[in-house]
Amino acid sequence: MNKRISSNATLQALKPRDKEYLIPDKIIEGLNIRVRPTGTMTWTFRFQIGKKHEKISMGRYVKAKPEIGMTLDQARKEAGRYRNWLENNKNPKAELARERRELDEAKTFDDAFISFDEKRLSKQLRGEQSRTIYLRDIKPYIGSIKLADLGIVDLNRVFDAKVDKDGYRMAGAIGACHKIINQVINHALALNMLVTHPAPQLKAKDVGGGSKVTKRNLSFAEIKALLSSLSEWRTDRANIRLIRFLLGCGQRISAVLEMRWSELDIEDGVWTLPASSEDRHTKSIDSRKVPLSHYLIELLQEQRESVPKKWQLVWPQLTLDKIQEASAVRSLIKRNLPSGVEHFSPHDLRRTFISRCSEMGLDIIAIEKTVGHQLPGMLRVYNHHDYLNEQLTVLQAWGDKLQELTITNVVPLVTKQSALG
C-alpha cells in the first residue's frame, strides 16, 4: 500500500480492519501509525541499527479527541529527535534510556510525594490529614532534595524539628512523619524512581517517635464525679451537652463534631452516619445507622432548642455554623477537670463506653457494632446482620446507667433522737 500520512485528515479517515496494519508518515522516515482491529491507534518509530530492526512505542492517537493523546505534530517532533540521533550514529532506544535515568536522578522527594498523592493518597479515606502533615512538617525540610541524594541526615532534620515548647520530642508527630516518609519512599522504590531505601532499618522509636497505646478509660466512680461536676464547668450549656453526648454515644469525636441535623431522625430514633469523605471523617467506607437512646434523644432535643433552625451542624461553634476543633474540646476538658478524675481526652470517652458497657455484661458484638468497629475474622465475612435492636439495647442500658450516675446521692438528715438510738 502506497498510502502515507500527510495530514490529520488522513488519520481521521483510517478505519480498523480484521488485522492490525501500519501507515507510514510522509514527512519523518520511520514514523508510523499502527491501527488495531479494536480501533486503537498507536504511534511507533521503526529503525535499523546494523542488521538489527528496532521499534519504539511512542503514544496513542485518539481520533475522538486528538488533543488528549499524541497529535500528529507531537509525533513528528518526537520522531524527529530519534531520526537526528540515528544520523549521529546514536541508538534512539539507548538515548531515551539515558534521558529517563537523568530525569529520575533529578526527581526530588516532592516529585515522589506528588506521584504518591495522585496514585494512592487521594484514594484514602483520610488522605487530607497526611497531605497536611507533609506540606507543613516534611516538605520544608526534604521536599527539594533529590531522591538519589536523600540520606539519613536529611530525614533526621524532619524528626529533630518536632519538639514542643519545652524542648521535648513530640512522639506522635514524629511517628506520623516517619510513616508518611516511608510510604513515599516505598512508592518511589516501586516505580523505580529510587534504587535503594536511604534508611531501611530506621524505626520511628529510633528517632523518638511512636505513639504509646493508651488504656485510659474512666471508672464508674470517675464518670459519676465527671457528671456531677458538669453544672459547675465554666462554659456554655451546649458544650456540657456535647460532653454528655460524647460519653453517651461512644462515637468518634470527629463524627460527633461534624454531625448534621439532616442525618438525624429524632422521631424514629436513628442517626445515619455517612461514609467517610473530605467533609465527613467517619473512618468508614459505608454509611451506617446508630440507634438513639432516650438519653441521647433528650440531649439532642435540648440542643435543637439552642441552635438556630437554619444551621446545619448539631454541635457547631457557639456563634457560627462551623465545625468545632477537637483541640477546643480537649482544652475545655483540661480547664474544667474535676478533682478525683485523672486527665482524659475526648477519645478516652469512647474507650470508656466500650469498657464500661462490657463490664455491665452487655453483648460485646453489639457494643463493637455500635462504635463502628469491624467484626473480627470470619464474622466480618459471613455475618451481615445490622444488630440495630441489639445496639439500641446497649445504648439504652448505658444511657440509663449514666442517668443513674448523674443523680447526686442524697444524705438523709439524722435526728438527734435517732442518733442517740
Protein backbone atom coordinates (compact mmCIF):
# COMPACT_ATOMS: atom_id res chain seq x y z
CA MET A 1 0.00 0.00 0.00
CA ASN A 2 1.44 3.38 -1.02
CA LYS A 3 -0.79 5.43 1.30
CA ARG A 4 1.09 7.71 3.69
CA ILE A 5 0.12 10.09 6.50
CA SER A 6 0.07 13.58 5.06
CA SER A 7 -2.32 15.38 7.40
CA ASN A 8 -4.78 14.99 10.27
CA ALA A 9 -7.46 14.24 7.69
CA THR A 10 -5.53 11.11 6.71
CA LEU A 11 -5.55 9.91 10.33
CA GLN A 12 -9.24 10.64 10.76
CA ALA A 13 -10.06 8.61 7.64
CA LEU A 14 -8.31 5.43 8.86
CA LYS A 15 -10.60 2.54 9.79
CA PRO A 16 -9.93 -0.67 11.75
CA ARG A 17 -9.58 -3.94 9.84
CA ASP A 18 -9.58 -7.62 10.69
CA LYS A 19 -5.83 -7.44 11.20
CA GLU A 20 -3.69 -4.60 12.50
CA TYR A 21 -1.78 -2.56 9.93
CA LEU A 22 0.78 0.26 9.70
CA ILE A 23 0.64 3.51 7.74
CA PRO A 24 4.00 5.36 7.43
CA ASP A 25 4.35 9.10 7.77
CA LYS A 26 5.05 11.19 4.67
CA ILE A 27 7.46 13.58 6.43
CA ILE A 28 9.51 11.64 9.03
CA GLU A 29 11.10 8.39 7.91
CA GLY A 30 10.45 5.58 10.41
CA LEU A 31 7.35 7.16 11.93
CA ASN A 32 4.20 5.01 11.57
CA ILE A 33 0.68 4.84 12.93
CA ARG A 34 -0.46 1.35 13.94
CA VAL A 35 -4.19 0.63 13.69
CA ARG A 36 -5.52 -2.39 15.59
CA PRO A 37 -8.79 -4.27 14.96
CA THR A 38 -10.17 -2.66 18.12
CA GLY A 39 -9.66 0.78 16.58
CA THR A 40 -6.76 1.68 18.90
CA MET A 41 -4.17 3.82 17.08
CA THR A 42 -0.58 3.97 18.31
CA TRP A 43 2.45 5.89 17.05
CA THR A 44 5.59 3.79 16.54
CA PHE A 45 9.07 4.57 15.33
CA ARG A 46 10.89 1.82 13.41
CA PHE A 47 14.60 1.90 12.67
CA GLN A 48 17.58 -0.32 11.99
CA ILE A 49 20.92 -0.46 13.81
CA GLY A 50 23.34 -2.60 11.79
CA LYS A 51 21.35 -5.72 10.99
CA LYS A 52 19.01 -5.35 13.96
CA HIS A 53 15.48 -3.96 13.49
CA GLU A 54 14.12 -1.99 16.43
CA LYS A 55 10.91 -0.14 17.28
CA ILE A 56 9.80 2.37 19.87
CA SER A 57 6.18 2.76 21.00
CA MET A 58 5.54 6.47 21.32
CA GLY A 59 1.95 7.05 22.40
CA ARG A 60 -1.68 6.84 21.32
CA TYR A 61 -3.53 8.88 18.76
CA VAL A 62 -7.16 9.41 19.90
CA LYS A 63 -9.45 10.05 16.93
CA ALA A 64 -12.34 11.39 19.00
CA LYS A 65 -10.13 13.89 20.88
CA PRO A 66 -6.62 14.13 19.34
CA GLU A 67 -5.60 16.72 21.93
CA ILE A 68 -5.71 14.19 24.81
CA GLY A 69 -3.28 11.81 23.09
CA MET A 70 -0.21 12.34 20.92
CA THR A 71 -1.08 14.54 17.96
CA LEU A 72 0.49 14.32 14.50
CA ASP A 73 2.64 17.39 15.17
CA GLN A 74 3.83 15.99 18.51
CA ALA A 75 4.63 12.59 16.96
CA ARG A 76 6.64 14.21 14.16
CA LYS A 77 8.57 16.37 16.61
CA GLU A 78 9.44 13.39 18.83
CA ALA A 79 10.29 11.13 15.88
CA GLY A 80 12.46 13.95 14.52
CA ARG A 81 14.63 13.66 17.63
CA TYR A 82 15.01 9.92 17.05
CA ARG A 83 15.95 10.49 13.41
CA ASN A 84 18.56 13.07 14.46
CA TRP A 85 20.13 10.55 16.87
CA LEU A 86 20.31 7.95 14.10
CA GLU A 87 22.03 10.40 11.78
CA ASN A 88 24.62 10.96 14.52
CA ASN A 89 25.21 7.20 14.94
CA LYS A 90 23.29 7.00 18.22
CA ASN A 91 20.71 4.39 19.17
CA PRO A 92 17.38 6.15 19.94
CA LYS A 93 16.45 3.49 22.50
CA ALA A 94 19.72 3.95 24.37
CA GLU A 95 19.35 7.73 24.26
CA LEU A 96 15.82 7.54 25.64
CA ALA A 97 17.02 5.28 28.46
CA ARG A 98 19.77 7.80 29.24
CA GLU A 99 17.24 10.63 29.35
CA ARG A 100 14.98 8.67 31.70
CA ARG A 101 17.88 7.97 34.04
CA GLU A 102 18.78 11.65 34.12
CA LEU A 103 15.17 12.60 34.83
CA ASP A 104 14.90 10.02 37.60
CA GLU A 105 18.13 11.24 39.14
CA ALA A 106 16.80 14.79 39.06
CA LYS A 107 13.49 13.90 40.76
CA THR A 108 13.04 15.28 44.24
CA PHE A 109 11.25 13.91 47.28
CA ASP A 110 8.43 16.31 46.45
CA ASP A 111 8.10 14.75 42.99
CA ALA A 112 7.76 11.36 44.66
CA PHE A 113 5.13 12.69 47.06
CA ILE A 114 3.11 14.22 44.21
CA SER A 115 3.10 10.84 42.47
CA PHE A 116 2.18 9.08 45.74
CA ASP A 117 -0.59 11.59 46.37
CA GLU A 118 -2.06 11.18 42.89
CA LYS A 119 -1.94 7.39 42.74
CA ARG A 120 -2.58 6.36 46.34
CA LEU A 121 -3.13 9.08 48.95
CA SER A 122 -6.01 10.74 47.08
CA LYS A 123 -7.89 7.42 47.24
CA GLN A 124 -7.50 7.01 51.00
CA LEU A 125 -10.32 7.94 53.36
CA ARG A 126 -8.22 10.35 55.39
CA GLY A 127 -5.66 11.40 52.82
CA GLU A 128 -6.11 15.09 53.57
CA GLN A 129 -4.63 14.65 57.04
CA SER A 130 -1.43 13.07 55.66
CA ARG A 131 -1.26 15.74 52.95
CA THR A 132 -1.42 18.49 55.58
CA ILE A 133 1.32 16.87 57.67
CA TYR A 134 3.54 16.52 54.60
CA LEU A 135 3.14 20.14 53.49
CA ARG A 136 3.64 21.52 56.99
CA ASP A 137 6.22 19.23 58.60
CA ILE A 138 8.10 17.36 55.85
CA LYS A 139 8.27 19.32 52.60
CA PRO A 140 10.09 22.36 54.08
CA TYR A 141 12.98 20.10 55.09
CA ILE A 142 13.36 17.46 52.37
CA GLY A 143 10.91 18.37 49.57
CA SER A 144 13.59 19.88 47.33
CA ILE A 145 16.22 17.16 47.92
CA LYS A 146 16.87 14.79 45.01
CA LEU A 147 15.76 11.26 45.73
CA ALA A 148 19.17 9.94 44.72
CA ASP A 149 20.83 12.22 47.31
CA LEU A 150 18.37 11.58 50.17
CA GLY A 151 20.10 10.30 53.31
CA ILE A 152 19.53 9.67 57.00
CA VAL A 153 20.89 13.13 57.83
CA ASP A 154 18.10 14.72 55.78
CA LEU A 155 15.42 12.57 57.41
CA ASN A 156 16.70 13.47 60.87
CA ARG A 157 16.17 17.15 60.07
CA VAL A 158 12.45 16.40 59.85
CA PHE A 159 12.35 14.41 63.09
CA ASP A 160 14.59 16.77 65.06
CA ALA A 161 12.28 19.69 64.26
CA LYS A 162 9.35 18.08 66.07
CA VAL A 163 9.86 19.30 69.63
CA ASP A 164 7.45 21.06 71.98
CA LYS A 165 7.95 24.41 73.69
CA ASP A 166 9.94 22.72 76.46
CA GLY A 167 12.30 21.03 74.01
CA TYR A 168 10.86 17.51 74.37
CA ARG A 169 10.46 15.37 71.27
CA MET A 170 6.86 15.01 70.12
CA ALA A 171 6.50 11.26 69.74
CA GLY A 172 3.13 11.32 67.97
CA ALA A 173 4.18 13.95 65.42
CA ILE A 174 7.48 12.18 64.76
CA GLY A 175 5.65 8.88 64.27
CA ALA A 176 3.26 10.47 61.77
CA CYS A 177 6.13 11.99 59.77
CA HIS A 178 8.06 8.71 59.82
CA LYS A 179 5.04 6.84 58.45
CA ILE A 180 4.44 9.29 55.57
CA ILE A 181 8.13 9.42 54.62
CA ASN A 182 8.28 5.62 54.49
CA GLN A 183 5.12 5.44 52.38
CA VAL A 184 6.55 7.90 49.85
CA ILE A 185 9.95 6.16 49.71
CA ASN A 186 8.34 2.73 49.20
CA HIS A 187 6.17 4.21 46.44
CA ALA A 188 9.28 5.64 44.77
CA LEU A 189 11.02 2.27 45.03
CA ALA A 190 8.03 0.51 43.44
CA LEU A 191 8.09 2.91 40.48
CA ASN A 192 11.89 2.73 40.06
CA MET A 193 12.20 6.41 40.94
CA LEU A 194 14.63 5.32 43.65
CA VAL A 195 17.13 2.45 43.73
CA THR A 196 17.53 1.87 47.47
CA HIS A 197 15.88 3.00 50.69
CA PRO A 198 18.15 5.56 52.40
CA ALA A 199 17.38 4.15 55.87
CA PRO A 200 15.64 0.77 55.60
CA GLN A 201 16.16 -0.21 59.25
CA LEU A 202 15.06 3.11 60.75
CA LYS A 203 12.07 2.73 63.07
CA ALA A 204 10.00 5.56 64.48
CA LYS A 205 11.13 4.71 68.02
CA ASP A 206 14.76 5.14 66.91
CA VAL A 207 14.15 8.86 66.40
CA GLY A 208 11.85 9.44 69.39
CA GLY A 209 8.59 8.60 67.65
CA GLY A 210 5.88 6.05 68.00
CA SER A 211 2.70 6.66 69.90
CA LYS A 212 2.22 4.75 73.14
CA VAL A 213 -1.04 2.81 73.12
CA THR A 214 -3.09 4.31 75.94
CA LYS A 215 -5.51 2.34 78.06
CA ARG A 216 -7.09 5.39 79.69
CA ASN A 217 -10.76 4.90 80.44
CA LEU A 218 -12.91 6.31 83.20
CA SER A 219 -14.15 4.13 86.03
CA PHE A 220 -17.75 4.35 87.17
CA ALA A 221 -16.60 6.47 90.13
CA GLU A 222 -14.81 8.87 87.77
CA ILE A 223 -17.84 9.03 85.47
CA LYS A 224 -20.01 9.94 88.45
CA ALA A 225 -17.54 12.64 89.52
CA LEU A 226 -17.43 13.97 85.96
CA LEU A 227 -21.20 14.09 85.52
CA SER A 228 -21.68 15.65 88.95
CA SER A 229 -19.19 18.41 88.11
CA LEU A 230 -20.60 19.41 84.71
CA SER A 231 -23.01 22.00 86.15
CA GLU A 232 -20.00 23.88 87.54
CA TRP A 233 -17.99 23.95 84.29
CA ARG A 234 -17.08 27.41 83.03
CA THR A 235 -18.57 27.06 79.57
CA ASP A 236 -21.79 27.28 77.58
CA ARG A 237 -24.53 24.72 78.27
CA ALA A 238 -24.17 23.42 74.71
CA ASN A 239 -20.63 22.27 75.49
CA ILE A 240 -21.85 20.42 78.58
CA ARG A 241 -24.43 18.64 76.42
CA LEU A 242 -21.65 17.80 73.95
CA ILE A 243 -19.54 16.12 76.66
CA ARG A 244 -22.57 14.12 77.83
CA PHE A 245 -23.39 13.14 74.23
CA LEU A 246 -19.81 12.00 73.53
CA LEU A 247 -19.90 9.82 76.63
CA GLY A 248 -23.38 8.53 75.85
CA CYS A 249 -22.94 7.56 72.19
CA GLY A 250 -19.43 6.04 72.07
CA GLN A 251 -18.68 7.50 68.64
CA ARG A 252 -15.50 9.20 67.41
CA ILE A 253 -15.26 12.88 68.23
CA SER A 254 -14.81 13.79 64.55
CA ALA A 255 -18.12 12.09 63.68
CA VAL A 256 -19.93 13.91 66.50
CA LEU A 257 -18.47 17.35 65.81
CA GLU A 258 -19.33 17.02 62.11
CA MET A 259 -22.87 15.70 62.77
CA ARG A 260 -25.63 17.38 60.73
CA TRP A 261 -29.29 17.73 61.66
CA SER A 262 -30.10 16.20 58.28
CA GLU A 263 -28.53 12.92 59.46
CA LEU A 264 -30.91 12.61 62.40
CA ASP A 265 -34.38 11.13 62.56
CA ILE A 266 -35.39 12.02 66.10
CA GLU A 267 -38.89 10.58 65.70
CA ASP A 268 -37.58 7.12 64.72
CA GLY A 269 -34.53 7.48 66.97
CA VAL A 270 -31.83 6.89 64.32
CA TRP A 271 -28.62 8.69 63.42
CA THR A 272 -27.33 7.83 59.94
CA LEU A 273 -23.57 8.34 59.72
CA PRO A 274 -22.47 8.83 56.10
CA ALA A 275 -19.44 7.16 54.58
CA SER A 276 -16.14 8.90 55.21
CA SER A 277 -15.28 11.70 52.79
CA GLU A 278 -13.47 15.04 52.66
CA ASP A 279 -16.38 16.58 54.63
CA ARG A 280 -17.23 13.70 56.96
CA HIS A 281 -14.39 11.93 58.76
CA THR A 282 -16.30 8.87 59.94
CA LYS A 283 -13.49 6.37 59.13
CA SER A 284 -15.98 4.10 57.37
CA ILE A 285 -16.25 3.21 53.70
CA ASP A 286 -20.02 2.71 54.09
CA SER A 287 -22.77 4.64 55.80
CA ARG A 288 -24.21 3.08 58.95
CA LYS A 289 -27.09 3.61 61.35
CA VAL A 290 -26.76 4.26 65.07
CA PRO A 291 -29.94 3.92 67.15
CA LEU A 292 -30.54 6.72 69.65
CA SER A 293 -31.29 6.02 73.30
CA HIS A 294 -33.72 8.13 75.32
CA TYR A 295 -30.68 9.68 76.99
CA LEU A 296 -29.23 10.82 73.63
CA ILE A 297 -32.60 11.95 72.22
CA GLU A 298 -33.16 14.17 75.25
CA LEU A 299 -29.77 15.82 74.74
CA LEU A 300 -30.47 16.34 71.02
CA GLN A 301 -33.88 17.86 71.73
CA GLU A 302 -32.31 20.30 74.18
CA GLN A 303 -29.59 21.12 71.64
CA ARG A 304 -32.18 21.71 68.90
CA GLU A 305 -33.74 24.46 71.01
CA SER A 306 -30.39 26.24 71.42
CA VAL A 307 -29.18 26.15 67.79
CA PRO A 308 -30.64 28.40 65.06
CA LYS A 309 -33.02 26.41 62.83
CA LYS A 310 -31.15 27.34 59.64
CA TRP A 311 -27.83 25.97 60.92
CA GLN A 312 -26.74 22.58 59.62
CA LEU A 313 -24.40 21.42 62.39
CA VAL A 314 -25.66 19.86 65.61
CA TRP A 315 -22.62 20.81 67.71
CA PRO A 316 -21.29 23.97 65.97
CA GLN A 317 -19.12 26.71 67.35
CA LEU A 318 -21.06 28.89 69.76
CA THR A 319 -21.56 31.82 67.36
CA LEU A 320 -21.01 30.28 63.93
CA ASP A 321 -22.35 27.30 61.98
CA LYS A 322 -18.81 25.96 61.67
CA ILE A 323 -17.25 22.75 62.94
CA GLN A 324 -15.56 22.93 66.33
CA GLU A 325 -11.97 21.77 66.52
CA ALA A 326 -11.32 18.66 68.60
CA SER A 327 -8.49 20.61 70.24
CA ALA A 328 -11.08 23.05 71.63
CA VAL A 329 -12.90 20.16 73.31
CA ARG A 330 -9.61 18.86 74.72
CA SER A 331 -8.89 22.32 76.15
CA LEU A 332 -12.40 22.50 77.58
CA ILE A 333 -11.85 19.24 79.47
CA LYS A 334 -8.41 20.31 80.68
CA ARG A 335 -9.75 23.65 82.05
CA ASN A 336 -12.61 22.02 83.92
CA LEU A 337 -11.14 18.69 85.01
CA PRO A 338 -12.85 17.80 88.30
CA SER A 339 -10.85 16.72 91.32
CA GLY A 340 -10.53 12.98 91.68
CA VAL A 341 -10.52 12.46 87.92
CA GLU A 342 -7.23 11.97 86.08
CA HIS A 343 -6.72 13.75 82.77
CA PHE A 344 -8.61 12.23 79.85
CA SER A 345 -9.15 13.04 76.19
CA PRO A 346 -12.39 13.00 74.19
CA HIS A 347 -11.29 9.69 72.63
CA ASP A 348 -10.94 8.23 76.11
CA LEU A 349 -14.71 8.66 76.48
CA ARG A 350 -15.14 6.27 73.54
CA ARG A 351 -12.83 3.76 75.24
CA THR A 352 -14.82 4.30 78.44
CA PHE A 353 -18.07 3.48 76.64
CA ILE A 354 -16.70 0.17 75.34
CA SER A 355 -15.01 -0.80 78.62
CA ARG A 356 -17.89 0.02 80.98
CA CYS A 357 -20.59 -1.47 78.71
CA SER A 358 -18.52 -4.66 78.62
CA GLU A 359 -18.23 -4.54 82.42
CA MET A 360 -22.04 -4.29 82.60
CA GLY A 361 -22.23 -7.62 80.76
CA LEU A 362 -23.77 -6.20 77.59
CA ASP A 363 -23.42 -8.05 74.26
CA ILE A 364 -19.83 -7.48 73.06
CA ILE A 365 -20.72 -7.85 69.38
CA ALA A 366 -23.48 -5.27 69.75
CA ILE A 367 -21.02 -2.95 71.51
CA GLU A 368 -18.50 -3.32 68.70
CA LYS A 369 -21.18 -2.69 66.06
CA THR A 370 -22.39 0.37 67.97
CA VAL A 371 -18.98 2.06 67.85
CA GLY A 372 -18.48 1.13 64.18
CA HIS A 373 -15.73 -1.46 64.61
CA GLN A 374 -15.34 -4.25 62.06
CA LEU A 375 -16.13 -7.68 63.42
CA PRO A 376 -13.07 -9.96 63.69
CA GLY A 377 -12.11 -12.81 61.36
CA MET A 378 -14.78 -14.74 59.50
CA LEU A 379 -17.57 -12.93 61.35
CA ARG A 380 -16.84 -9.95 59.12
CA VAL A 381 -17.16 -12.13 56.01
CA TYR A 382 -20.32 -14.04 56.86
CA ASN A 383 -22.22 -12.07 59.50
CA HIS A 384 -24.07 -9.18 57.82
CA HIS A 385 -26.74 -8.67 60.50
CA ASP A 386 -27.01 -4.95 61.35
CA TYR A 387 -27.62 -5.57 65.10
CA LEU A 388 -29.76 -2.41 65.28
CA ASN A 389 -32.03 -3.77 68.02
CA GLU A 390 -29.06 -5.12 69.94
CA GLN A 391 -27.26 -1.78 69.57
CA LEU A 392 -30.32 0.03 70.92
CA THR A 393 -30.35 -2.33 73.91
CA VAL A 394 -26.71 -1.43 74.62
CA LEU A 395 -27.23 2.31 74.22
CA GLN A 396 -30.44 2.25 76.26
CA ALA A 397 -28.80 0.38 79.14
CA TRP A 398 -25.77 2.69 79.00
CA GLY A 399 -27.97 5.81 78.94
CA ASP A 400 -29.93 4.57 81.96
CA LYS A 401 -26.65 3.95 83.79
CA LEU A 402 -25.42 7.47 83.03
CA GLN A 403 -28.72 8.91 84.18
CA GLU A 404 -28.39 6.95 87.42
CA LEU A 405 -24.82 8.21 87.93
CA THR A 406 -25.92 11.79 87.29
CA ILE A 407 -28.23 11.83 90.30
CA THR A 408 -26.33 13.14 93.31
CA ASN A 409 -26.52 10.98 96.37
CA VAL A 410 -28.86 12.44 98.96
CA VAL A 411 -27.67 12.04 102.53
CA PRO A 412 -30.67 11.74 104.85
CA LEU A 413 -30.75 14.02 107.90
CA VAL A 414 -30.15 12.19 111.15
CA THR A 415 -32.26 13.42 114.06
CA LYS A 416 -30.78 13.79 117.49
CA GLN A 417 -33.06 11.10 118.88
CA SER A 418 -32.21 8.55 116.20
CA ALA A 419 -28.56 9.43 116.60
CA LEU A 420 -28.74 8.64 120.25
CA GLY A 421 -30.59 5.45 119.28
